[in-house]
C-alpha cells in the first residue's frame, strides 16, 4: 500500500526501451510490464506492484529520473505544492491506474505526485 507523500515510483526516460529492458534485466534481474511500444513498468521484487517505469523518448528528461510521490488526495497535494512555493508544470491528468500532476520545486527540480482516484 502506498504511503501518503512518500517516494513511490521512479520514472526513467530512455532512448531505446528494448535495450534498456535488456540492460536492467541482465544487470539486476528486473522484470517489466509492457504498456505499449514506448512504456514499461518496473515490477517490484516478487511481482507485487511496480517500483518505477521507463518511457522511450528521443529527449532525455533534464535532471535524470522523475521522482513520483503518492497522495491520498491529489487536489490537496496540488494546493500544498502551490502554497509552499512550487509551480504546477503539468496539471492533473488521468492515466491507467489513476491520476497525477507534475511540479517544479523552488530550485527547479521536477517531481510528480499520483493518486489512485
C-alpha atoms as a PDB file:
ATOM      1  CA  UNK A   1       0.000   0.000   0.000  1.00  0.00           C
ATOM      2  CA  UNK A   2       1.443   3.385  -0.969  1.00  0.00           C
ATOM      3  CA  UNK A   3       2.233   5.896   1.761  1.00  0.00           C
ATOM      4  CA  UNK A   4       0.906   9.472   1.517  1.00  0.00           C
ATOM      5  CA  UNK A   5       3.579  11.883   0.249  1.00  0.00           C
ATOM      6  CA  UNK A   6       6.335   9.224   0.239  1.00  0.00           C
ATOM      7  CA  UNK A   7       8.515   8.485  -2.781  1.00  0.00           C
ATOM      8  CA  UNK A   8       6.568   5.763  -4.540  1.00  0.00           C
ATOM      9  CA  UNK A   9       7.813   5.484  -8.124  1.00  0.00           C
ATOM     10  CA  UNK A  10      10.873   6.439 -10.172  1.00  0.00           C
ATOM     11  CA  UNK A  11      10.453   7.034 -13.899  1.00  0.00           C
ATOM     12  CA  UNK A  12      13.410   6.897 -16.324  1.00  0.00           C
ATOM     13  CA  UNK A  13      13.463   8.333 -19.817  1.00  0.00           C
ATOM     14  CA  UNK A  14      15.413   6.049 -22.145  1.00  0.00           C
ATOM     15  CA  UNK A  15      16.392   6.345 -25.806  1.00  0.00           C
ATOM     16  CA  UNK A  16      15.832   2.646 -26.616  1.00  0.00           C
ATOM     17  CA  UNK A  17      13.253   0.851 -24.486  1.00  0.00           C
ATOM     18  CA  UNK A  18      14.187  -2.649 -25.676  1.00  0.00           C
ATOM     19  CA  UNK A  19      17.873  -2.073 -24.934  1.00  0.00           C
ATOM     20  CA  UNK A  20      17.101  -0.521 -21.526  1.00  0.00           C
ATOM     21  CA  UNK A  21      14.918  -3.501 -20.597  1.00  0.00           C
ATOM     22  CA  UNK A  22      17.666  -5.879 -21.703  1.00  0.00           C
ATOM     23  CA  UNK A  23      20.313  -3.998 -19.703  1.00  0.00           C
ATOM     24  CA  UNK A  24      18.352  -3.778 -16.423  1.00  0.00           C
ATOM     25  CA  UNK A  25      17.110  -7.347 -16.769  1.00  0.00           C
ATOM     26  CA  UNK A  26      20.635  -8.674 -17.339  1.00  0.00           C
ATOM     27  CA  UNK A  27      22.316  -6.464 -14.737  1.00  0.00           C
ATOM     28  CA  UNK A  28      19.746  -6.545 -11.916  1.00  0.00           C
ATOM     29  CA  UNK A  29      17.176  -9.228 -12.839  1.00  0.00           C
ATOM     30  CA  UNK A  30      14.450  -6.589 -13.201  1.00  0.00           C
ATOM     31  CA  UNK A  31      11.120  -7.755 -14.648  1.00  0.00           C
ATOM     32  CA  UNK A  32       8.877  -5.471 -16.701  1.00  0.00           C
ATOM     33  CA  UNK A  33       5.228  -4.938 -17.578  1.00  0.00           C
ATOM     34  CA  UNK A  34       4.773  -3.537 -21.079  1.00  0.00           C
ATOM     35  CA  UNK A  35       2.198  -0.765 -21.571  1.00  0.00           C
ATOM     36  CA  UNK A  36       2.575  -0.322 -25.307  1.00  0.00           C
ATOM     37  CA  UNK A  37       5.607   0.275 -27.503  1.00  0.00           C
ATOM     38  CA  UNK A  38       7.070   3.206 -25.547  1.00  0.00           C
ATOM     39  CA  UNK A  39       6.498   2.451 -21.841  1.00  0.00           C
ATOM     40  CA  UNK A  40       7.349  -0.408 -19.471  1.00  0.00           C
ATOM     41  CA  UNK A  41       6.671  -0.652 -15.752  1.00  0.00           C
ATOM     42  CA  UNK A  42       9.423  -1.965 -13.462  1.00  0.00           C
ATOM     43  CA  UNK A  43       7.970  -4.668 -11.222  1.00  0.00           C
ATOM     44  CA  UNK A  44       8.780  -4.683  -7.523  1.00  0.00           C
ATOM     45  CA  UNK A  45      10.749  -7.743  -6.384  1.00  0.00           C
ATOM     46  CA  UNK A  46       8.324 -10.633  -6.054  1.00  0.00           C
ATOM     47  CA  UNK A  47       5.955  -9.027  -8.587  1.00  0.00           C
ATOM     48  CA  UNK A  48       3.897  -7.090  -6.001  1.00  0.00           C
ATOM     49  CA  UNK A  49       3.166  -3.859  -7.902  1.00  0.00           C
ATOM     50  CA  UNK A  50       5.652  -1.555  -9.573  1.00  0.00           C
ATOM     51  CA  UNK A  51       8.584   0.499  -8.297  1.00  0.00           C
ATOM     52  CA  UNK A  52       9.053   2.556 -11.421  1.00  0.00           C
ATOM     53  CA  UNK A  53       8.858   2.758 -15.163  1.00  0.00           C
ATOM     54  CA  UNK A  54      10.783   3.574 -18.297  1.00  0.00           C
ATOM     55  CA  UNK A  55       9.499   5.763 -21.109  1.00  0.00           C
ATOM     56  CA  UNK A  56      11.158   5.809 -24.524  1.00  0.00           C
ATOM     57  CA  UNK A  57      11.901   9.283 -25.881  1.00  0.00           C
ATOM     58  CA  UNK A  58      14.455  10.949 -28.127  1.00  0.00           C
ATOM     59  CA  UNK A  59      14.797  13.663 -25.471  1.00  0.00           C
ATOM     60  CA  UNK A  60      16.024  12.653 -22.044  1.00  0.00           C
ATOM     61  CA  UNK A  61      14.433  14.399 -19.066  1.00  0.00           C
ATOM     62  CA  UNK A  62      16.671  17.147 -17.628  1.00  0.00           C
ATOM     63  CA  UNK A  63      17.871  16.185 -14.169  1.00  0.00           C
ATOM     64  CA  UNK A  64      17.536  12.448 -14.741  1.00  0.00           C
ATOM     65  CA  UNK A  65      14.782  10.153 -13.474  1.00  0.00           C
ATOM     66  CA  UNK A  66      11.417  11.556 -12.428  1.00  0.00           C
ATOM     67  CA  UNK A  67      10.676  11.002  -8.721  1.00  0.00           C
ATOM     68  CA  UNK A  68       6.972  10.332  -8.175  1.00  0.00           C
ATOM     69  CA  UNK A  69       5.283  10.727  -4.787  1.00  0.00           C
ATOM     70  CA  UNK A  70       1.971   9.149  -3.784  1.00  0.00           C
ATOM     71  CA  UNK A  71      -1.001  11.126  -2.462  1.00  0.00           C
ATOM     72  CA  UNK A  72      -4.209  10.157  -0.696  1.00  0.00           C
ATOM     73  CA  UNK A  73      -5.762  13.427  -2.004  1.00  0.00           C
ATOM     74  CA  UNK A  74      -4.349  14.740  -5.284  1.00  0.00           C
ATOM     75  CA  UNK A  75      -6.144  18.109  -5.208  1.00  0.00           C
ATOM     76  CA  UNK A  76      -4.937  18.793  -1.665  1.00  0.00           C
ATOM     77  CA  UNK A  77      -1.389  17.959  -2.778  1.00  0.00           C
ATOM     78  CA  UNK A  78      -1.675  20.390  -5.714  1.00  0.00           C
ATOM     79  CA  UNK A  79      -2.787  23.090  -3.289  1.00  0.00           C
ATOM     80  CA  UNK A  80       0.020  22.244  -0.842  1.00  0.00           C
ATOM     81  CA  UNK A  81       2.682  22.412  -3.592  1.00  0.00           C
ATOM     82  CA  UNK A  82       1.432  25.817  -4.741  1.00  0.00           C
ATOM     83  CA  UNK A  83       1.102  27.145  -1.187  1.00  0.00           C
ATOM     84  CA  UNK A  84       4.681  26.081  -0.433  1.00  0.00           C
ATOM     85  CA  UNK A  85       6.024  27.971  -3.459  1.00  0.00           C
ATOM     86  CA  UNK A  86       6.182  25.191  -6.031  1.00  0.00           C
ATOM     87  CA  UNK A  87       4.858  25.544  -9.587  1.00  0.00           C
ATOM     88  CA  UNK A  88       2.494  23.032 -11.161  1.00  0.00           C
ATOM     89  CA  UNK A  89       4.061  22.362 -14.567  1.00  0.00           C
ATOM     90  CA  UNK A  90       1.532  19.732 -15.730  1.00  0.00           C
ATOM     91  CA  UNK A  91      -1.962  19.906 -14.225  1.00  0.00           C
ATOM     92  CA  UNK A  92      -3.633  16.697 -13.011  1.00  0.00           C
ATOM     93  CA  UNK A  93      -4.255  14.174 -15.791  1.00  0.00           C
ATOM     94  CA  UNK A  94      -5.575  10.629 -15.958  1.00  0.00           C
ATOM     95  CA  UNK A  95      -3.535   7.552 -16.835  1.00  0.00           C
ATOM     96  CA  UNK A  96      -4.172   3.812 -16.467  1.00  0.00           C
ATOM     97  CA  UNK A  97      -4.289   3.291 -12.715  1.00  0.00           C
ATOM     98  CA  UNK A  98      -5.060   6.817 -11.523  1.00  0.00           C
ATOM     99  CA  UNK A  99      -4.234  10.490 -11.934  1.00  0.00           C
ATOM    100  CA  UNK A 100      -1.090  12.576 -11.489  1.00  0.00           C
ATOM    101  CA  UNK A 101       0.416  16.039 -11.828  1.00  0.00           C
ATOM    102  CA  UNK A 102       3.956  17.361 -12.245  1.00  0.00           C
ATOM    103  CA  UNK A 103       5.522  20.291 -10.404  1.00  0.00           C
ATOM    104  CA  UNK A 104       8.810  22.086 -10.017  1.00  0.00           C
ATOM    105  CA  UNK A 105      10.220  22.967  -6.624  1.00  0.00           C
ATOM    106  CA  UNK A 106      11.801  26.389  -5.949  1.00  0.00           C
ATOM    107  CA  UNK A 107      15.178  25.033  -7.171  1.00  0.00           C
ATOM    108  CA  UNK A 108      13.667  23.906 -10.483  1.00  0.00           C
ATOM    109  CA  UNK A 109      13.603  20.155  -9.785  1.00  0.00           C
ATOM    110  CA  UNK A 110      10.671  18.404 -11.461  1.00  0.00           C
ATOM    111  CA  UNK A 111       8.726  15.819  -9.463  1.00  0.00           C
ATOM    112  CA  UNK A 112       5.287  14.280  -9.861  1.00  0.00           C
ATOM    113  CA  UNK A 113       2.511  13.198  -7.499  1.00  0.00           C
ATOM    114  CA  UNK A 114      -0.008  10.451  -8.262  1.00  0.00           C
ATOM    115  CA  UNK A 115      -3.205   9.094  -6.712  1.00  0.00           C
ATOM    116  CA  UNK A 116      -5.315   6.049  -7.436  1.00  0.00           C
ATOM    117  CA  UNK A 117      -8.516   8.098  -7.799  1.00  0.00           C
END
